[in-house]
Amino acid sequence: MNTLKELVLASHNAGKLRELQAMLGEHIRVRSISEFSDHAPEETGLSFIENALIKARHAAQVSGLPALADDSGLAVDALGGAPGIYSARYAGDGGDAANNAKLLEALRDTPDAERGAQFICALALVQHASDPVPLVCVGQWRGRILREVRGSNGFGYDPLFWLEQQQCASAELSPEQKNQLSHRARAMAQLKQQLGV
């Protein structure tokens, strides 16, 4: 596996592409699935891992390259783990602002002490579409949900995700800081170790 020079990322999300390319470094070229297909497979899995595998296998099939997929989201304790695998479409097709607004509304009466949450990232890497031994790594990042958005970096729920140790929202971290601390960084560290890069 450590001969991997190029892979396709099973995501149309430019933020994820930037983050993962920065984490993998210059030795592995990360290409977007957008170069090969506009079609996204239906995410029928019930977990981050299942959906990451569905996306990785699809990307490998349409590109002919090894494929890396990231399925990630926010699991809020007071909401029984919601929005979970539905994080990106929590408020339908309204995007990040609508998702954040729906989350704030759902937690409106939740005391600060009960607003714990975690970002979860499942990374799946397949050498080809029918790879029987995919590499799967999961990273978690604990925090709590703020009552209003803060910061302008990152994407998704970053403006609402408070980090106690850093005393700031995820969206107030620099991209470099986030790439060292985040759920995606933790999953990627495991993946790099397995790849020997």
N, C-alpha and C. Protein backbone atom coordinates (compact mmCIF):
# COMPACT_ATOMS: atom_id res chain seq x y z
N MET A 1 0.82 -1.21 0.00
CA MET A 1 0.00 0.00 0.00
C MET A 1 0.85 1.26 0.00
N ASN A 2 2.05 1.18 0.53
CA ASN A 2 2.84 2.41 0.62
C ASN A 2 3.39 2.86 -0.73
N THR A 3 3.01 2.16 -1.83
CA THR A 3 3.38 2.61 -3.16
C THR A 3 2.30 3.52 -3.75
N LEU A 4 1.29 3.84 -2.98
CA LEU A 4 0.19 4.68 -3.43
C LEU A 4 0.70 6.06 -3.81
N LYS A 5 0.49 6.45 -5.07
CA LYS A 5 0.94 7.77 -5.55
C LYS A 5 -0.22 8.69 -5.87
N GLU A 6 -1.37 8.09 -6.16
CA GLU A 6 -2.52 8.87 -6.60
C GLU A 6 -3.79 8.16 -6.17
N LEU A 7 -4.79 8.92 -5.76
CA LEU A 7 -6.08 8.34 -5.44
C LEU A 7 -7.17 9.35 -5.74
N VAL A 8 -8.38 8.85 -5.81
CA VAL A 8 -9.51 9.73 -6.04
C VAL A 8 -10.27 9.85 -4.72
N LEU A 9 -10.68 11.08 -4.40
CA LEU A 9 -11.47 11.32 -3.20
C LEU A 9 -12.94 11.30 -3.58
N ALA A 10 -13.69 10.46 -2.92
CA ALA A 10 -15.12 10.29 -3.22
C ALA A 10 -15.93 11.40 -2.57
N SER A 11 -15.67 12.64 -2.97
CA SER A 11 -16.40 13.78 -2.42
C SER A 11 -16.34 14.94 -3.41
N HIS A 12 -17.44 15.69 -3.49
CA HIS A 12 -17.48 16.91 -4.28
C HIS A 12 -17.20 18.13 -3.39
N ASN A 13 -16.93 17.88 -2.10
CA ASN A 13 -16.72 18.94 -1.12
C ASN A 13 -15.29 19.47 -1.21
N ALA A 14 -15.15 20.70 -1.69
CA ALA A 14 -13.81 21.29 -1.89
C ALA A 14 -13.07 21.45 -0.56
N GLY A 15 -13.81 21.69 0.54
CA GLY A 15 -13.18 21.81 1.85
C GLY A 15 -12.53 20.52 2.28
N LYS A 16 -13.23 19.40 2.07
CA LYS A 16 -12.66 18.09 2.42
C LYS A 16 -11.45 17.77 1.55
N LEU A 17 -11.54 18.11 0.26
CA LEU A 17 -10.42 17.84 -0.66
C LEU A 17 -9.17 18.57 -0.20
N ARG A 18 -9.33 19.85 0.15
CA ARG A 18 -8.19 20.66 0.62
C ARG A 18 -7.60 20.06 1.90
N GLU A 19 -8.47 19.74 2.86
CA GLU A 19 -8.00 19.21 4.14
C GLU A 19 -7.26 17.89 3.96
N LEU A 20 -7.85 16.97 3.19
CA LEU A 20 -7.23 15.65 3.05
C LEU A 20 -5.94 15.71 2.24
N GLN A 21 -5.89 16.60 1.22
CA GLN A 21 -4.64 16.74 0.47
C GLN A 21 -3.55 17.28 1.38
N ALA A 22 -3.90 18.26 2.21
CA ALA A 22 -2.91 18.83 3.14
C ALA A 22 -2.43 17.76 4.13
N MET A 23 -3.31 16.91 4.59
CA MET A 23 -2.94 15.88 5.55
C MET A 23 -2.10 14.77 4.92
N LEU A 24 -2.41 14.42 3.69
CA LEU A 24 -1.66 13.36 3.01
C LEU A 24 -0.30 13.83 2.52
N GLY A 25 -0.17 15.15 2.31
CA GLY A 25 1.11 15.68 1.85
C GLY A 25 1.28 15.56 0.35
N GLU A 26 2.46 15.92 -0.12
CA GLU A 26 2.69 16.03 -1.56
C GLU A 26 3.01 14.70 -2.22
N HIS A 27 3.23 13.65 -1.45
CA HIS A 27 3.63 12.37 -2.04
C HIS A 27 2.48 11.60 -2.66
N ILE A 28 1.24 11.94 -2.25
CA ILE A 28 0.07 11.28 -2.81
C ILE A 28 -0.82 12.36 -3.41
N ARG A 29 -1.08 12.25 -4.70
CA ARG A 29 -1.94 13.22 -5.37
C ARG A 29 -3.39 12.82 -5.15
N VAL A 30 -4.19 13.75 -4.64
CA VAL A 30 -5.60 13.51 -4.38
C VAL A 30 -6.42 14.20 -5.48
N ARG A 31 -7.18 13.41 -6.21
CA ARG A 31 -8.03 13.93 -7.27
C ARG A 31 -9.48 13.86 -6.83
N SER A 32 -10.28 14.78 -7.31
CA SER A 32 -11.70 14.82 -6.94
C SER A 32 -12.51 13.89 -7.82
N ILE A 33 -13.52 13.29 -7.25
CA ILE A 33 -14.45 12.46 -8.02
C ILE A 33 -15.11 13.29 -9.12
N SER A 34 -15.17 14.61 -8.94
CA SER A 34 -15.77 15.50 -9.93
C SER A 34 -15.10 15.39 -11.30
N GLU A 35 -13.82 14.98 -11.32
CA GLU A 35 -13.11 14.79 -12.59
C GLU A 35 -13.67 13.61 -13.38
N PHE A 36 -14.35 12.71 -12.70
CA PHE A 36 -14.78 11.45 -13.32
C PHE A 36 -16.29 11.29 -13.42
N SER A 37 -17.01 11.90 -12.48
CA SER A 37 -18.46 11.68 -12.45
C SER A 37 -19.15 12.75 -11.61
N ASP A 38 -20.35 13.13 -12.04
CA ASP A 38 -21.18 14.04 -11.24
C ASP A 38 -22.15 13.25 -10.37
N HIS A 39 -22.26 11.96 -10.66
CA HIS A 39 -23.22 11.11 -9.95
C HIS A 39 -22.65 10.70 -8.58
N ALA A 40 -23.48 10.80 -7.58
CA ALA A 40 -23.08 10.33 -6.25
C ALA A 40 -23.93 9.11 -5.91
N PRO A 41 -23.31 8.06 -5.35
CA PRO A 41 -24.10 6.88 -5.01
C PRO A 41 -25.04 7.18 -3.85
N GLU A 42 -26.11 6.43 -3.78
CA GLU A 42 -27.04 6.60 -2.66
C GLU A 42 -26.40 6.04 -1.40
N GLU A 43 -26.37 6.87 -0.37
CA GLU A 43 -25.76 6.46 0.90
C GLU A 43 -26.80 5.72 1.72
N THR A 44 -26.87 4.41 1.52
CA THR A 44 -27.90 3.60 2.15
C THR A 44 -27.45 2.96 3.45
N GLY A 45 -26.19 3.18 3.84
CA GLY A 45 -25.68 2.61 5.07
C GLY A 45 -26.31 3.24 6.30
N LEU A 46 -26.20 2.53 7.42
CA LEU A 46 -26.74 3.04 8.68
C LEU A 46 -25.63 3.56 9.59
N SER A 47 -24.39 3.59 9.07
CA SER A 47 -23.27 4.09 9.87
C SER A 47 -22.32 4.86 8.97
N PHE A 48 -21.45 5.64 9.60
CA PHE A 48 -20.44 6.38 8.85
C PHE A 48 -19.55 5.41 8.06
N ILE A 49 -19.19 4.28 8.67
CA ILE A 49 -18.30 3.31 8.01
C ILE A 49 -18.98 2.73 6.77
N GLU A 50 -20.23 2.31 6.89
CA GLU A 50 -20.93 1.74 5.74
C GLU A 50 -21.01 2.74 4.59
N ASN A 51 -21.36 3.97 4.89
CA ASN A 51 -21.47 4.98 3.83
C ASN A 51 -20.12 5.32 3.21
N ALA A 52 -19.07 5.35 4.02
CA ALA A 52 -17.73 5.60 3.47
C ALA A 52 -17.35 4.50 2.48
N LEU A 53 -17.66 3.26 2.81
CA LEU A 53 -17.35 2.14 1.92
C LEU A 53 -18.15 2.21 0.62
N ILE A 54 -19.43 2.56 0.72
CA ILE A 54 -20.26 2.71 -0.49
C ILE A 54 -19.64 3.75 -1.41
N LYS A 55 -19.24 4.89 -0.85
CA LYS A 55 -18.69 5.97 -1.66
C LYS A 55 -17.32 5.61 -2.23
N ALA A 56 -16.47 4.95 -1.43
CA ALA A 56 -15.14 4.58 -1.90
C ALA A 56 -15.23 3.59 -3.06
N ARG A 57 -16.08 2.59 -2.92
CA ARG A 57 -16.22 1.59 -3.99
C ARG A 57 -16.75 2.22 -5.28
N HIS A 58 -17.71 3.12 -5.16
CA HIS A 58 -18.24 3.82 -6.33
C HIS A 58 -17.15 4.65 -7.00
N ALA A 59 -16.39 5.39 -6.22
CA ALA A 59 -15.34 6.25 -6.79
C ALA A 59 -14.27 5.42 -7.49
N ALA A 60 -13.91 4.29 -6.92
CA ALA A 60 -12.92 3.42 -7.55
C ALA A 60 -13.46 2.87 -8.86
N GLN A 61 -14.74 2.54 -8.88
CA GLN A 61 -15.35 1.98 -10.08
C GLN A 61 -15.37 2.99 -11.22
N VAL A 62 -15.76 4.24 -10.94
CA VAL A 62 -15.87 5.23 -12.02
C VAL A 62 -14.52 5.82 -12.44
N SER A 63 -13.53 5.78 -11.55
CA SER A 63 -12.23 6.40 -11.86
C SER A 63 -11.17 5.41 -12.30
N GLY A 64 -11.31 4.16 -11.86
CA GLY A 64 -10.25 3.19 -12.13
C GLY A 64 -9.02 3.39 -11.24
N LEU A 65 -9.15 4.24 -10.23
CA LEU A 65 -8.04 4.55 -9.31
C LEU A 65 -8.37 4.03 -7.92
N PRO A 66 -7.34 3.86 -7.07
CA PRO A 66 -7.64 3.63 -5.65
C PRO A 66 -8.49 4.81 -5.16
N ALA A 67 -9.39 4.54 -4.25
CA ALA A 67 -10.32 5.60 -3.82
C ALA A 67 -10.38 5.72 -2.31
N LEU A 68 -10.46 6.96 -1.87
CA LEU A 68 -10.59 7.29 -0.46
C LEU A 68 -11.92 7.99 -0.27
N ALA A 69 -12.70 7.53 0.68
CA ALA A 69 -13.96 8.20 1.00
C ALA A 69 -13.98 8.55 2.47
N ASP A 70 -14.60 9.67 2.72
CA ASP A 70 -14.75 10.19 4.07
C ASP A 70 -16.24 10.30 4.31
N ASP A 71 -16.74 9.67 5.33
CA ASP A 71 -18.11 9.94 5.74
C ASP A 71 -18.01 10.46 7.16
N SER A 72 -18.48 11.66 7.34
CA SER A 72 -18.30 12.28 8.65
C SER A 72 -19.52 13.10 9.00
N GLY A 73 -19.61 13.41 10.26
CA GLY A 73 -20.73 14.22 10.71
C GLY A 73 -20.65 14.50 12.19
N LEU A 74 -21.71 15.10 12.67
CA LEU A 74 -21.80 15.55 14.04
C LEU A 74 -22.82 14.70 14.79
N ALA A 75 -22.43 14.19 15.94
CA ALA A 75 -23.34 13.42 16.79
C ALA A 75 -23.52 14.19 18.10
N VAL A 76 -24.73 14.66 18.34
CA VAL A 76 -25.02 15.48 19.52
C VAL A 76 -25.66 14.60 20.59
N ASP A 77 -25.06 14.61 21.77
CA ASP A 77 -25.51 13.75 22.87
C ASP A 77 -27.00 13.93 23.18
N ALA A 78 -27.44 15.19 23.33
CA ALA A 78 -28.82 15.48 23.73
C ALA A 78 -29.83 15.11 22.64
N LEU A 79 -29.36 14.87 21.43
CA LEU A 79 -30.25 14.51 20.31
C LEU A 79 -30.12 13.03 19.96
N GLY A 80 -29.57 12.24 20.89
CA GLY A 80 -29.44 10.81 20.65
C GLY A 80 -28.50 10.47 19.51
N GLY A 81 -27.52 11.34 19.27
CA GLY A 81 -26.56 11.10 18.20
C GLY A 81 -26.90 11.77 16.88
N ALA A 82 -28.06 12.43 16.80
CA ALA A 82 -28.41 13.18 15.59
C ALA A 82 -27.56 14.46 15.53
N PRO A 83 -27.35 15.03 14.36
CA PRO A 83 -27.83 14.59 13.05
C PRO A 83 -27.09 13.38 12.48
N GLY A 84 -25.96 13.00 13.05
CA GLY A 84 -25.27 11.76 12.68
C GLY A 84 -24.98 11.65 11.19
N ILE A 85 -25.35 10.50 10.60
CA ILE A 85 -25.04 10.27 9.19
C ILE A 85 -25.81 11.22 8.27
N TYR A 86 -26.79 11.93 8.82
CA TYR A 86 -27.57 12.88 8.03
C TYR A 86 -27.07 14.32 8.20
N SER A 87 -25.89 14.50 8.77
CA SER A 87 -25.38 15.83 9.09
C SER A 87 -25.39 16.80 7.91
N ALA A 88 -24.93 16.36 6.75
CA ALA A 88 -24.81 17.26 5.60
C ALA A 88 -26.17 17.69 5.07
N ARG A 89 -27.21 16.87 5.29
CA ARG A 89 -28.55 17.20 4.79
C ARG A 89 -29.57 17.28 5.92
N TYR A 90 -29.11 17.69 7.08
CA TYR A 90 -29.97 17.79 8.27
C TYR A 90 -31.18 18.68 8.02
N ALA A 91 -30.96 19.79 7.33
CA ALA A 91 -32.05 20.73 7.04
C ALA A 91 -32.45 20.66 5.57
N GLY A 92 -32.31 19.49 4.96
CA GLY A 92 -32.62 19.35 3.54
C GLY A 92 -31.45 19.82 2.70
N ASP A 93 -31.74 20.56 1.66
CA ASP A 93 -30.68 21.04 0.76
C ASP A 93 -30.28 22.49 1.06
N GLY A 94 -30.55 22.95 2.26
CA GLY A 94 -30.31 24.35 2.60
C GLY A 94 -28.87 24.72 2.86
N GLY A 95 -27.98 23.72 2.97
CA GLY A 95 -26.57 24.02 3.18
C GLY A 95 -26.21 24.25 4.64
N ASP A 96 -24.95 24.68 4.84
CA ASP A 96 -24.40 24.82 6.19
C ASP A 96 -25.20 25.74 7.09
N ALA A 97 -25.59 26.91 6.58
CA ALA A 97 -26.30 27.89 7.42
C ALA A 97 -27.64 27.31 7.90
N ALA A 98 -28.35 26.64 7.00
CA ALA A 98 -29.64 26.05 7.38
C ALA A 98 -29.45 24.91 8.37
N ASN A 99 -28.42 24.09 8.17
CA ASN A 99 -28.13 23.00 9.11
C ASN A 99 -27.82 23.55 10.50
N ASN A 100 -27.00 24.60 10.54
CA ASN A 100 -26.63 25.20 11.83
C ASN A 100 -27.86 25.81 12.51
N ALA A 101 -28.72 26.46 11.74
CA ALA A 101 -29.92 27.07 12.30
C ALA A 101 -30.85 26.00 12.87
N LYS A 102 -30.99 24.87 12.15
CA LYS A 102 -31.86 23.79 12.64
C LYS A 102 -31.30 23.18 13.92
N LEU A 103 -29.97 23.03 13.98
CA LEU A 103 -29.34 22.48 15.18
C LEU A 103 -29.55 23.41 16.38
N LEU A 104 -29.36 24.70 16.17
CA LEU A 104 -29.57 25.66 17.26
C LEU A 104 -31.01 25.61 17.76
N GLU A 105 -31.95 25.49 16.85
CA GLU A 105 -33.36 25.41 17.23
C GLU A 105 -33.64 24.13 18.02
N ALA A 106 -33.06 23.01 17.57
CA ALA A 106 -33.28 21.73 18.24
C ALA A 106 -32.73 21.74 19.67
N LEU A 107 -31.68 22.54 19.89
CA LEU A 107 -31.03 22.59 21.21
C LEU A 107 -31.40 23.85 22.00
N ARG A 108 -32.38 24.59 21.53
CA ARG A 108 -32.71 25.89 22.13
C ARG A 108 -32.90 25.82 23.64
N ASP A 109 -33.59 24.78 24.13
CA ASP A 109 -33.87 24.68 25.56
C ASP A 109 -32.91 23.75 26.31
N THR A 110 -31.83 23.35 25.64
CA THR A 110 -30.86 22.43 26.25
C THR A 110 -29.81 23.22 27.02
N PRO A 111 -29.64 22.95 28.32
CA PRO A 111 -28.63 23.68 29.12
C PRO A 111 -27.22 23.45 28.57
N ASP A 112 -26.35 24.42 28.81
CA ASP A 112 -24.97 24.34 28.32
C ASP A 112 -24.28 23.04 28.73
N ALA A 113 -24.52 22.59 29.94
CA ALA A 113 -23.85 21.39 30.46
C ALA A 113 -24.27 20.12 29.72
N GLU A 114 -25.38 20.19 28.98
CA GLU A 114 -25.89 19.00 28.28
C GLU A 114 -25.76 19.13 26.77
N ARG A 115 -24.87 20.02 26.31
CA ARG A 115 -24.73 20.26 24.88
C ARG A 115 -23.49 19.58 24.29
N GLY A 116 -23.06 18.49 24.93
CA GLY A 116 -21.90 17.75 24.45
C GLY A 116 -22.14 17.15 23.08
N ALA A 117 -21.07 17.03 22.29
CA ALA A 117 -21.18 16.50 20.94
C ALA A 117 -19.82 15.99 20.50
N GLN A 118 -19.83 15.24 19.42
CA GLN A 118 -18.56 14.84 18.83
C GLN A 118 -18.69 14.79 17.32
N PHE A 119 -17.63 15.25 16.69
CA PHE A 119 -17.50 15.04 15.26
C PHE A 119 -16.93 13.64 15.08
N ILE A 120 -17.42 12.92 14.09
CA ILE A 120 -16.93 11.58 13.78
C ILE A 120 -16.56 11.53 12.30
N CYS A 121 -15.43 10.90 12.01
CA CYS A 121 -14.99 10.73 10.63
C CYS A 121 -14.61 9.27 10.41
N ALA A 122 -15.23 8.66 9.40
CA ALA A 122 -14.83 7.32 8.96
C ALA A 122 -14.16 7.47 7.60
N LEU A 123 -12.93 7.02 7.50
CA LEU A 123 -12.21 7.01 6.22
C LEU A 123 -12.16 5.57 5.72
N ALA A 124 -12.46 5.39 4.45
CA ALA A 124 -12.35 4.07 3.83
C ALA A 124 -11.50 4.20 2.57
N LEU A 125 -10.49 3.34 2.47
CA LEU A 125 -9.61 3.34 1.30
C LEU A 125 -9.70 1.97 0.64
N VAL A 126 -10.02 1.97 -0.65
CA VAL A 126 -10.06 0.71 -1.42
C VAL A 126 -9.08 0.82 -2.58
N GLN A 127 -8.41 -0.28 -2.88
CA GLN A 127 -7.49 -0.32 -4.02
C GLN A 127 -8.26 -0.40 -5.34
N HIS A 128 -9.44 -1.04 -5.31
CA HIS A 128 -10.31 -1.16 -6.48
C HIS A 128 -11.72 -1.39 -5.96
N ALA A 129 -12.70 -1.33 -6.86
CA ALA A 129 -14.11 -1.34 -6.45
C ALA A 129 -14.51 -2.57 -5.65
N SER A 130 -13.90 -3.72 -5.93
CA SER A 130 -14.29 -4.94 -5.21
C SER A 130 -13.23 -5.38 -4.20
N ASP A 131 -12.42 -4.43 -3.74
CA ASP A 131 -11.37 -4.72 -2.76
C ASP A 131 -11.96 -5.43 -1.53
N PRO A 132 -11.51 -6.67 -1.24
CA PRO A 132 -12.08 -7.40 -0.10
C PRO A 132 -11.50 -6.99 1.25
N VAL A 133 -10.41 -6.21 1.23
CA VAL A 133 -9.79 -5.78 2.49
C VAL A 133 -9.56 -4.26 2.51
N PRO A 134 -10.65 -3.50 2.53
CA PRO A 134 -10.47 -2.05 2.58
C PRO A 134 -9.83 -1.63 3.90
N LEU A 135 -9.14 -0.51 3.86
CA LEU A 135 -8.63 0.08 5.10
C LEU A 135 -9.71 1.02 5.63
N VAL A 136 -10.09 0.86 6.89
CA VAL A 136 -11.12 1.71 7.49
C VAL A 136 -10.56 2.26 8.80
N CYS A 137 -10.64 3.56 8.94
CA CYS A 137 -10.17 4.24 10.16
C CYS A 137 -11.24 5.22 10.63
N VAL A 138 -11.41 5.31 11.95
CA VAL A 138 -12.43 6.19 12.52
C VAL A 138 -11.78 7.14 13.52
N GLY A 139 -12.07 8.43 13.37
CA GLY A 139 -11.58 9.44 14.31
C GLY A 139 -12.74 10.16 14.96
N GLN A 140 -12.57 10.52 16.26
CA GLN A 140 -13.60 11.25 16.99
C GLN A 140 -12.99 12.49 17.62
N TRP A 141 -13.81 13.55 17.72
CA TRP A 141 -13.35 14.84 18.26
C TRP A 141 -14.45 15.40 19.13
N ARG A 142 -14.22 15.46 20.45
CA ARG A 142 -15.24 15.91 21.40
C ARG A 142 -15.27 17.42 21.53
N GLY A 143 -16.46 17.92 21.76
CA GLY A 143 -16.66 19.35 22.01
C GLY A 143 -18.07 19.55 22.53
N ARG A 144 -18.56 20.78 22.41
CA ARG A 144 -19.96 21.03 22.76
C ARG A 144 -20.52 22.09 21.82
N ILE A 145 -21.83 22.16 21.77
CA ILE A 145 -22.50 23.04 20.81
C ILE A 145 -22.76 24.40 21.44
N LEU A 146 -22.29 25.43 20.77
CA LEU A 146 -22.50 26.81 21.22
C LEU A 146 -23.94 27.25 20.99
N ARG A 147 -24.28 28.44 21.47
CA ARG A 147 -25.63 28.99 21.27
C ARG A 147 -25.70 29.93 20.07
N GLU A 148 -24.54 30.27 19.53
CA GLU A 148 -24.49 31.10 18.31
C GLU A 148 -23.19 30.82 17.58
N VAL A 149 -23.18 31.10 16.28
CA VAL A 149 -22.00 30.80 15.46
C VAL A 149 -20.85 31.73 15.82
N ARG A 150 -19.63 31.17 15.70
CA ARG A 150 -18.40 31.94 15.95
C ARG A 150 -17.35 31.51 14.94
N GLY A 151 -16.61 32.49 14.43
CA GLY A 151 -15.50 32.20 13.53
C GLY A 151 -15.92 32.07 12.08
N SER A 152 -14.94 32.12 11.19
CA SER A 152 -15.25 32.08 9.75
C SER A 152 -14.41 31.05 8.99
N ASN A 153 -13.63 30.25 9.70
CA ASN A 153 -12.85 29.20 9.03
C ASN A 153 -13.65 27.91 9.01
N GLY A 154 -13.16 26.93 8.27
CA GLY A 154 -13.80 25.62 8.24
C GLY A 154 -15.09 25.64 7.45
N PHE A 155 -15.92 24.64 7.72
CA PHE A 155 -17.19 24.50 7.02
C PHE A 155 -18.12 23.66 7.89
N GLY A 156 -19.34 23.46 7.43
CA GLY A 156 -20.28 22.63 8.18
C GLY A 156 -20.62 23.22 9.54
N TYR A 157 -20.49 22.40 10.56
CA TYR A 157 -20.87 22.79 11.92
C TYR A 157 -19.71 23.43 12.69
N ASP A 158 -18.58 23.67 12.03
CA ASP A 158 -17.41 24.24 12.71
C ASP A 158 -17.74 25.51 13.52
N PRO A 159 -18.60 26.42 13.03
CA PRO A 159 -18.86 27.64 13.81
C PRO A 159 -19.63 27.41 15.11
N LEU A 160 -20.22 26.23 15.27
CA LEU A 160 -20.98 25.94 16.50
C LEU A 160 -20.27 24.97 17.43
N PHE A 161 -19.09 24.47 17.03
CA PHE A 161 -18.42 23.40 17.78
C PHE A 161 -17.34 23.99 18.68
N TRP A 162 -17.63 24.03 19.98
CA TRP A 162 -16.74 24.64 20.97
C TRP A 162 -15.72 23.63 21.48
N LEU A 163 -14.47 24.04 21.49
CA LEU A 163 -13.38 23.19 21.96
C LEU A 163 -12.88 23.72 23.29
N GLU A 164 -13.13 22.96 24.35
CA GLU A 164 -12.80 23.41 25.70
C GLU A 164 -11.31 23.68 25.85
N GLN A 165 -10.48 22.77 25.36
CA GLN A 165 -9.03 22.90 25.55
C GLN A 165 -8.46 24.12 24.83
N GLN A 166 -8.99 24.40 23.64
CA GLN A 166 -8.49 25.54 22.86
C GLN A 166 -9.23 26.83 23.19
N GLN A 167 -10.34 26.72 23.91
CA GLN A 167 -11.18 27.87 24.27
C GLN A 167 -11.59 28.69 23.03
N CYS A 168 -12.03 27.96 22.01
CA CYS A 168 -12.52 28.62 20.80
C CYS A 168 -13.41 27.64 20.03
N ALA A 169 -14.11 28.18 19.05
CA ALA A 169 -14.90 27.33 18.15
C ALA A 169 -13.96 26.73 17.10
N SER A 170 -14.36 25.61 16.56
CA SER A 170 -13.57 24.98 15.50
C SER A 170 -13.34 25.95 14.34
N ALA A 171 -14.33 26.79 14.05
CA ALA A 171 -14.22 27.76 12.95
C ALA A 171 -13.27 28.91 13.27
N GLU A 172 -12.77 28.97 14.51
CA GLU A 172 -11.79 29.99 14.87
C GLU A 172 -10.37 29.46 14.82
N LEU A 173 -10.21 28.16 14.56
CA LEU A 173 -8.88 27.58 14.39
C LEU A 173 -8.34 27.91 13.01
N SER A 174 -7.03 27.98 12.89
CA SER A 174 -6.45 28.10 11.55
C SER A 174 -6.59 26.75 10.86
N PRO A 175 -6.56 26.72 9.52
CA PRO A 175 -6.63 25.43 8.83
C PRO A 175 -5.54 24.46 9.31
N GLU A 176 -4.36 24.99 9.60
CA GLU A 176 -3.25 24.15 10.07
C GLU A 176 -3.58 23.53 11.44
N GLN A 177 -4.15 24.33 12.34
CA GLN A 177 -4.53 23.81 13.66
C GLN A 177 -5.61 22.74 13.53
N LYS A 178 -6.62 23.03 12.72
CA LYS A 178 -7.72 22.08 12.55
C LYS A 178 -7.19 20.76 11.97
N ASN A 179 -6.25 20.86 11.03
CA ASN A 179 -5.71 19.65 10.39
C ASN A 179 -4.85 18.82 11.34
N GLN A 180 -4.57 19.33 12.53
CA GLN A 180 -3.84 18.56 13.53
C GLN A 180 -4.77 17.98 14.60
N LEU A 181 -5.93 18.64 14.81
CA LEU A 181 -6.80 18.30 15.94
C LEU A 181 -8.07 17.55 15.58
N SER A 182 -8.57 17.73 14.38
CA SER A 182 -9.93 17.31 14.05
C SER A 182 -10.13 15.80 13.99
N HIS A 183 -11.39 15.42 13.94
CA HIS A 183 -11.79 14.03 13.74
C HIS A 183 -11.18 13.46 12.47
N ARG A 184 -11.14 14.30 11.43
CA ARG A 184 -10.57 13.87 10.15
C ARG A 184 -9.06 13.67 10.30
N ALA A 185 -8.41 14.56 11.04
CA ALA A 185 -6.97 14.43 11.28
C ALA A 185 -6.67 13.15 12.06
N ARG A 186 -7.52 12.82 13.02
CA ARG A 186 -7.30 11.62 13.84
C ARG A 186 -7.47 10.34 13.00
N ALA A 187 -8.50 10.34 12.14
CA ALA A 187 -8.69 9.18 11.26
C ALA A 187 -7.54 9.09 10.25
N MET A 188 -7.12 10.24 9.73
CA MET A 188 -6.04 10.25 8.75
C MET A 188 -4.72 9.80 9.36
N ALA A 189 -4.46 10.15 10.62
CA ALA A 189 -3.22 9.71 11.27
C ALA A 189 -3.17 8.18 11.32
N GLN A 190 -4.31 7.56 11.62
CA GLN A 190 -4.38 6.09 11.62
C GLN A 190 -4.14 5.53 10.23
N LEU A 191 -4.77 6.16 9.22
CA LEU A 191 -4.64 5.68 7.85
C LEU A 191 -3.18 5.79 7.37
N LYS A 192 -2.56 6.92 7.66
CA LYS A 192 -1.16 7.12 7.24
C LYS A 192 -0.25 6.09 7.89
N GLN A 193 -0.54 5.77 9.14
CA GLN A 193 0.26 4.76 9.84
C GLN A 193 0.12 3.41 9.14
N GLN A 194 -1.11 3.06 8.76
CA GLN A 194 -1.33 1.80 8.06
C GLN A 194 -0.70 1.78 6.66
N LEU A 195 -0.67 2.97 6.02
CA LEU A 195 -0.08 3.05 4.68
C LEU A 195 1.44 3.17 4.73
N GLY A 196 1.97 3.54 5.89
CA GLY A 196 3.42 3.73 6.00
C GLY A 196 3.90 5.01 5.33
N VAL A 197 3.05 6.06 5.35
CA VAL A 197 3.45 7.36 4.77
C VAL A 197 3.53 8.42 5.86
